[in-house]
Amino acid sequence: MSCSRPGRTGETQIGQPSGWAAGVLRIGAWDADPAPPEPPVPLEQVVDLEEGRGLGLVRACADLWGWQPLAREGNRGKVVWCELAAA
C-alpha cells in the first residue's frame, strides 16, 4: 500500500495549520488524551496490522500534518490535523 503524492513535504508541525488556502483540504480529529501522538511508523511496516496505521497513512498521504494540545472549559485533549492539496 502506498500513497505517493508528488511534491509532498511530509512535514510535521506542532500547532495549528496556517490560514485558509484555496485548493487545500484540511481534516482534523480530536481526542480526550492531551499527550502527543506517537510518532508515525512508516506505512510499509504497519500495512498488515489492524491497529496503529492512522498516522502512518496521514504521513504518507498528507502534504502537511501536525497536532495541537487543547484545553477548554476544563476539558483537555488534542487535535491531530492534516492538509491535502487538491490535484
N, C-alpha and C. Protein backbone atom coordinates (compact mmCIF):
# COMPACT_ATOMS: atom_id res chain seq x y z
N MET A 1 0.84 -1.17 0.00
CA MET A 1 0.00 0.00 0.00
C MET A 1 0.89 1.23 0.00
N SER A 2 0.58 2.21 -0.83
CA SER A 2 1.32 3.46 -0.81
C SER A 2 0.38 4.58 -1.19
N CYS A 3 0.82 5.77 -0.87
CA CYS A 3 0.04 6.95 -1.21
C CYS A 3 1.04 7.99 -1.68
N SER A 4 1.50 7.84 -2.87
CA SER A 4 2.52 8.73 -3.42
C SER A 4 1.90 10.04 -3.87
N ARG A 5 2.45 11.12 -3.37
CA ARG A 5 1.95 12.45 -3.73
C ARG A 5 3.14 13.27 -4.20
N PRO A 6 3.17 13.66 -5.46
CA PRO A 6 4.29 14.44 -5.97
C PRO A 6 4.44 15.74 -5.19
N GLY A 7 5.68 16.06 -4.82
CA GLY A 7 5.96 17.33 -4.16
C GLY A 7 5.55 17.40 -2.71
N ARG A 8 5.11 16.29 -2.12
CA ARG A 8 4.66 16.35 -0.74
C ARG A 8 5.85 16.53 0.18
N THR A 9 5.66 17.34 1.23
CA THR A 9 6.75 17.61 2.15
C THR A 9 6.82 16.60 3.28
N GLY A 10 5.66 16.08 3.70
CA GLY A 10 5.65 15.17 4.83
C GLY A 10 6.03 15.86 6.13
N GLU A 11 6.03 17.16 6.13
CA GLU A 11 6.45 17.94 7.29
C GLU A 11 5.48 17.74 8.45
N THR A 12 6.03 17.69 9.65
CA THR A 12 5.24 17.60 10.86
C THR A 12 5.35 18.90 11.61
N GLN A 13 4.24 19.39 12.13
CA GLN A 13 4.24 20.62 12.91
C GLN A 13 3.46 20.41 14.18
N ILE A 14 3.86 21.14 15.21
CA ILE A 14 3.03 21.24 16.41
C ILE A 14 2.38 22.60 16.32
N GLY A 15 1.09 22.64 16.47
CA GLY A 15 0.36 23.89 16.37
C GLY A 15 -0.70 23.80 15.30
N GLN A 16 -1.30 24.93 15.02
CA GLN A 16 -2.38 24.97 14.05
C GLN A 16 -1.85 25.18 12.65
N PRO A 17 -2.57 24.67 11.66
CA PRO A 17 -2.18 24.95 10.28
C PRO A 17 -2.31 26.44 10.02
N SER A 18 -1.51 26.95 9.10
CA SER A 18 -1.60 28.36 8.77
C SER A 18 -2.93 28.65 8.08
N GLY A 19 -3.23 29.91 7.83
CA GLY A 19 -4.52 30.35 7.31
C GLY A 19 -5.10 29.51 6.18
N TRP A 20 -6.32 29.82 5.81
CA TRP A 20 -7.01 29.09 4.74
C TRP A 20 -6.33 29.32 3.41
N ALA A 21 -6.35 28.33 2.57
CA ALA A 21 -5.77 28.45 1.24
C ALA A 21 -6.70 27.75 0.24
N ALA A 22 -6.84 28.35 -0.91
CA ALA A 22 -7.66 27.74 -1.96
C ALA A 22 -7.01 26.43 -2.40
N GLY A 23 -7.82 25.43 -2.64
CA GLY A 23 -7.32 24.16 -3.14
C GLY A 23 -6.69 23.28 -2.08
N VAL A 24 -6.94 23.58 -0.79
CA VAL A 24 -6.37 22.77 0.29
C VAL A 24 -7.51 22.24 1.15
N LEU A 25 -7.53 20.92 1.35
CA LEU A 25 -8.49 20.28 2.23
C LEU A 25 -7.82 20.07 3.57
N ARG A 26 -8.47 20.51 4.64
CA ARG A 26 -7.95 20.31 5.99
C ARG A 26 -8.87 19.34 6.73
N ILE A 27 -8.26 18.37 7.40
CA ILE A 27 -9.00 17.36 8.15
C ILE A 27 -8.43 17.34 9.56
N GLY A 28 -9.30 17.23 10.56
CA GLY A 28 -8.84 17.17 11.95
C GLY A 28 -9.61 16.12 12.71
N ALA A 29 -8.97 15.56 13.72
CA ALA A 29 -9.61 14.59 14.61
C ALA A 29 -9.22 14.94 16.04
N TRP A 30 -10.20 14.95 16.94
CA TRP A 30 -10.00 15.30 18.33
C TRP A 30 -10.10 14.06 19.20
N ASP A 31 -9.29 14.02 20.27
CA ASP A 31 -9.50 13.01 21.30
C ASP A 31 -9.21 13.62 22.66
N ALA A 32 -9.60 12.94 23.73
CA ALA A 32 -9.53 13.48 25.08
C ALA A 32 -8.16 13.33 25.73
N ASP A 33 -7.23 12.67 25.10
CA ASP A 33 -5.89 12.47 25.66
C ASP A 33 -5.00 13.64 25.24
N PRO A 34 -4.48 14.43 26.20
CA PRO A 34 -3.65 15.57 25.83
C PRO A 34 -2.21 15.20 25.45
N ALA A 35 -1.83 13.94 25.62
CA ALA A 35 -0.46 13.52 25.30
C ALA A 35 -0.22 13.61 23.80
N PRO A 36 1.00 13.94 23.40
CA PRO A 36 1.31 13.98 21.96
C PRO A 36 1.06 12.63 21.32
N PRO A 37 0.71 12.63 20.03
CA PRO A 37 0.54 11.34 19.34
C PRO A 37 1.89 10.63 19.22
N GLU A 38 1.83 9.32 19.18
CA GLU A 38 3.05 8.54 18.94
C GLU A 38 3.57 8.89 17.56
N PRO A 39 4.89 8.96 17.38
CA PRO A 39 5.41 9.23 16.03
C PRO A 39 4.91 8.18 15.05
N PRO A 40 4.56 8.59 13.84
CA PRO A 40 4.07 7.62 12.87
C PRO A 40 5.15 6.64 12.45
N VAL A 41 4.74 5.41 12.29
CA VAL A 41 5.62 4.35 11.81
C VAL A 41 5.50 4.33 10.29
N PRO A 42 6.60 4.14 9.56
CA PRO A 42 6.49 4.06 8.10
C PRO A 42 5.41 3.07 7.67
N LEU A 43 4.64 3.45 6.70
CA LEU A 43 3.48 2.68 6.27
C LEU A 43 3.82 1.24 5.91
N GLU A 44 4.95 1.01 5.29
CA GLU A 44 5.30 -0.35 4.88
C GLU A 44 5.53 -1.26 6.09
N GLN A 45 5.73 -0.71 7.29
CA GLN A 45 5.91 -1.52 8.49
C GLN A 45 4.59 -1.86 9.19
N VAL A 46 3.51 -1.15 8.85
CA VAL A 46 2.24 -1.36 9.55
C VAL A 46 1.11 -1.80 8.64
N VAL A 47 1.38 -2.03 7.38
CA VAL A 47 0.32 -2.30 6.40
C VAL A 47 -0.54 -3.50 6.77
N ASP A 48 0.00 -4.50 7.43
CA ASP A 48 -0.77 -5.69 7.78
C ASP A 48 -1.36 -5.66 9.19
N LEU A 49 -1.10 -4.61 9.95
CA LEU A 49 -1.63 -4.51 11.30
C LEU A 49 -3.07 -4.02 11.29
N GLU A 50 -3.81 -4.39 12.34
CA GLU A 50 -5.19 -3.93 12.45
C GLU A 50 -5.29 -2.63 13.23
N GLU A 51 -4.25 -2.25 13.96
CA GLU A 51 -4.23 -1.01 14.73
C GLU A 51 -2.91 -0.31 14.47
N GLY A 52 -2.90 1.01 14.74
CA GLY A 52 -1.65 1.76 14.68
C GLY A 52 -1.24 2.24 13.30
N ARG A 53 -2.16 2.23 12.34
CA ARG A 53 -1.82 2.67 10.99
C ARG A 53 -2.19 4.11 10.71
N GLY A 54 -3.00 4.72 11.56
CA GLY A 54 -3.58 6.03 11.27
C GLY A 54 -2.59 7.11 10.89
N LEU A 55 -1.63 7.39 11.76
CA LEU A 55 -0.67 8.45 11.43
C LEU A 55 0.28 8.04 10.32
N GLY A 56 0.52 6.76 10.17
CA GLY A 56 1.32 6.31 9.02
C GLY A 56 0.63 6.65 7.71
N LEU A 57 -0.70 6.44 7.67
CA LEU A 57 -1.47 6.80 6.48
C LEU A 57 -1.46 8.31 6.27
N VAL A 58 -1.66 9.05 7.35
CA VAL A 58 -1.66 10.51 7.24
C VAL A 58 -0.30 10.99 6.73
N ARG A 59 0.76 10.49 7.33
CA ARG A 59 2.11 10.90 6.93
C ARG A 59 2.38 10.58 5.45
N ALA A 60 1.91 9.41 5.00
CA ALA A 60 2.15 9.00 3.62
C ALA A 60 1.36 9.84 2.62
N CYS A 61 0.18 10.30 2.99
CA CYS A 61 -0.71 10.96 2.04
C CYS A 61 -0.78 12.47 2.16
N ALA A 62 -0.54 13.00 3.34
CA ALA A 62 -0.75 14.43 3.58
C ALA A 62 0.44 15.25 3.10
N ASP A 63 0.14 16.47 2.71
CA ASP A 63 1.20 17.42 2.37
C ASP A 63 1.81 18.01 3.63
N LEU A 64 1.00 18.14 4.67
CA LEU A 64 1.42 18.72 5.93
C LEU A 64 0.54 18.13 7.01
N TRP A 65 1.08 17.85 8.19
CA TRP A 65 0.25 17.38 9.28
C TRP A 65 0.87 17.82 10.58
N GLY A 66 0.07 17.81 11.63
CA GLY A 66 0.56 18.22 12.93
C GLY A 66 -0.49 17.96 13.99
N TRP A 67 -0.23 18.46 15.18
CA TRP A 67 -1.17 18.29 16.28
C TRP A 67 -1.07 19.49 17.19
N GLN A 68 -2.11 19.68 17.99
CA GLN A 68 -2.13 20.78 18.94
C GLN A 68 -2.87 20.33 20.20
N PRO A 69 -2.26 20.58 21.38
CA PRO A 69 -2.99 20.28 22.61
C PRO A 69 -4.15 21.26 22.76
N LEU A 70 -5.21 20.80 23.40
CA LEU A 70 -6.39 21.62 23.60
C LEU A 70 -6.78 21.64 25.08
N ALA A 71 -7.26 22.76 25.54
CA ALA A 71 -7.82 22.88 26.89
C ALA A 71 -8.93 23.92 26.80
N ARG A 72 -10.14 23.51 27.16
CA ARG A 72 -11.27 24.42 27.07
C ARG A 72 -12.32 24.01 28.10
N GLU A 73 -12.74 24.95 28.89
CA GLU A 73 -13.79 24.71 29.88
C GLU A 73 -13.51 23.48 30.73
N GLY A 74 -12.25 23.31 31.14
CA GLY A 74 -11.87 22.18 31.98
C GLY A 74 -11.64 20.88 31.23
N ASN A 75 -11.93 20.86 29.95
CA ASN A 75 -11.69 19.66 29.13
C ASN A 75 -10.30 19.74 28.53
N ARG A 76 -9.65 18.61 28.45
CA ARG A 76 -8.31 18.56 27.86
C ARG A 76 -8.31 17.54 26.73
N GLY A 77 -7.38 17.69 25.86
CA GLY A 77 -7.26 16.75 24.76
C GLY A 77 -6.30 17.28 23.73
N LYS A 78 -6.46 16.82 22.51
CA LYS A 78 -5.62 17.29 21.40
C LYS A 78 -6.39 17.13 20.11
N VAL A 79 -5.95 17.85 19.12
CA VAL A 79 -6.46 17.68 17.76
C VAL A 79 -5.27 17.35 16.87
N VAL A 80 -5.43 16.33 16.05
CA VAL A 80 -4.43 15.99 15.04
C VAL A 80 -5.05 16.39 13.70
N TRP A 81 -4.29 17.12 12.88
CA TRP A 81 -4.82 17.66 11.64
C TRP A 81 -3.86 17.35 10.49
N CYS A 82 -4.40 17.44 9.28
CA CYS A 82 -3.56 17.31 8.10
C CYS A 82 -4.12 18.17 6.99
N GLU A 83 -3.29 18.47 6.02
CA GLU A 83 -3.67 19.24 4.84
C GLU A 83 -3.36 18.41 3.60
N LEU A 84 -4.31 18.43 2.67
CA LEU A 84 -4.15 17.74 1.39
C LEU A 84 -4.40 18.76 0.28
N ALA A 85 -3.48 18.89 -0.63
CA ALA A 85 -3.67 19.80 -1.75
C ALA A 85 -4.55 19.15 -2.80
N ALA A 86 -5.47 19.92 -3.35
CA ALA A 86 -6.33 19.42 -4.43
C ALA A 86 -5.50 19.26 -5.68
N ALA A 87 -5.72 18.16 -6.35
CA ALA A 87 -4.94 17.88 -7.57
C ALA A 87 -5.57 18.55 -8.76
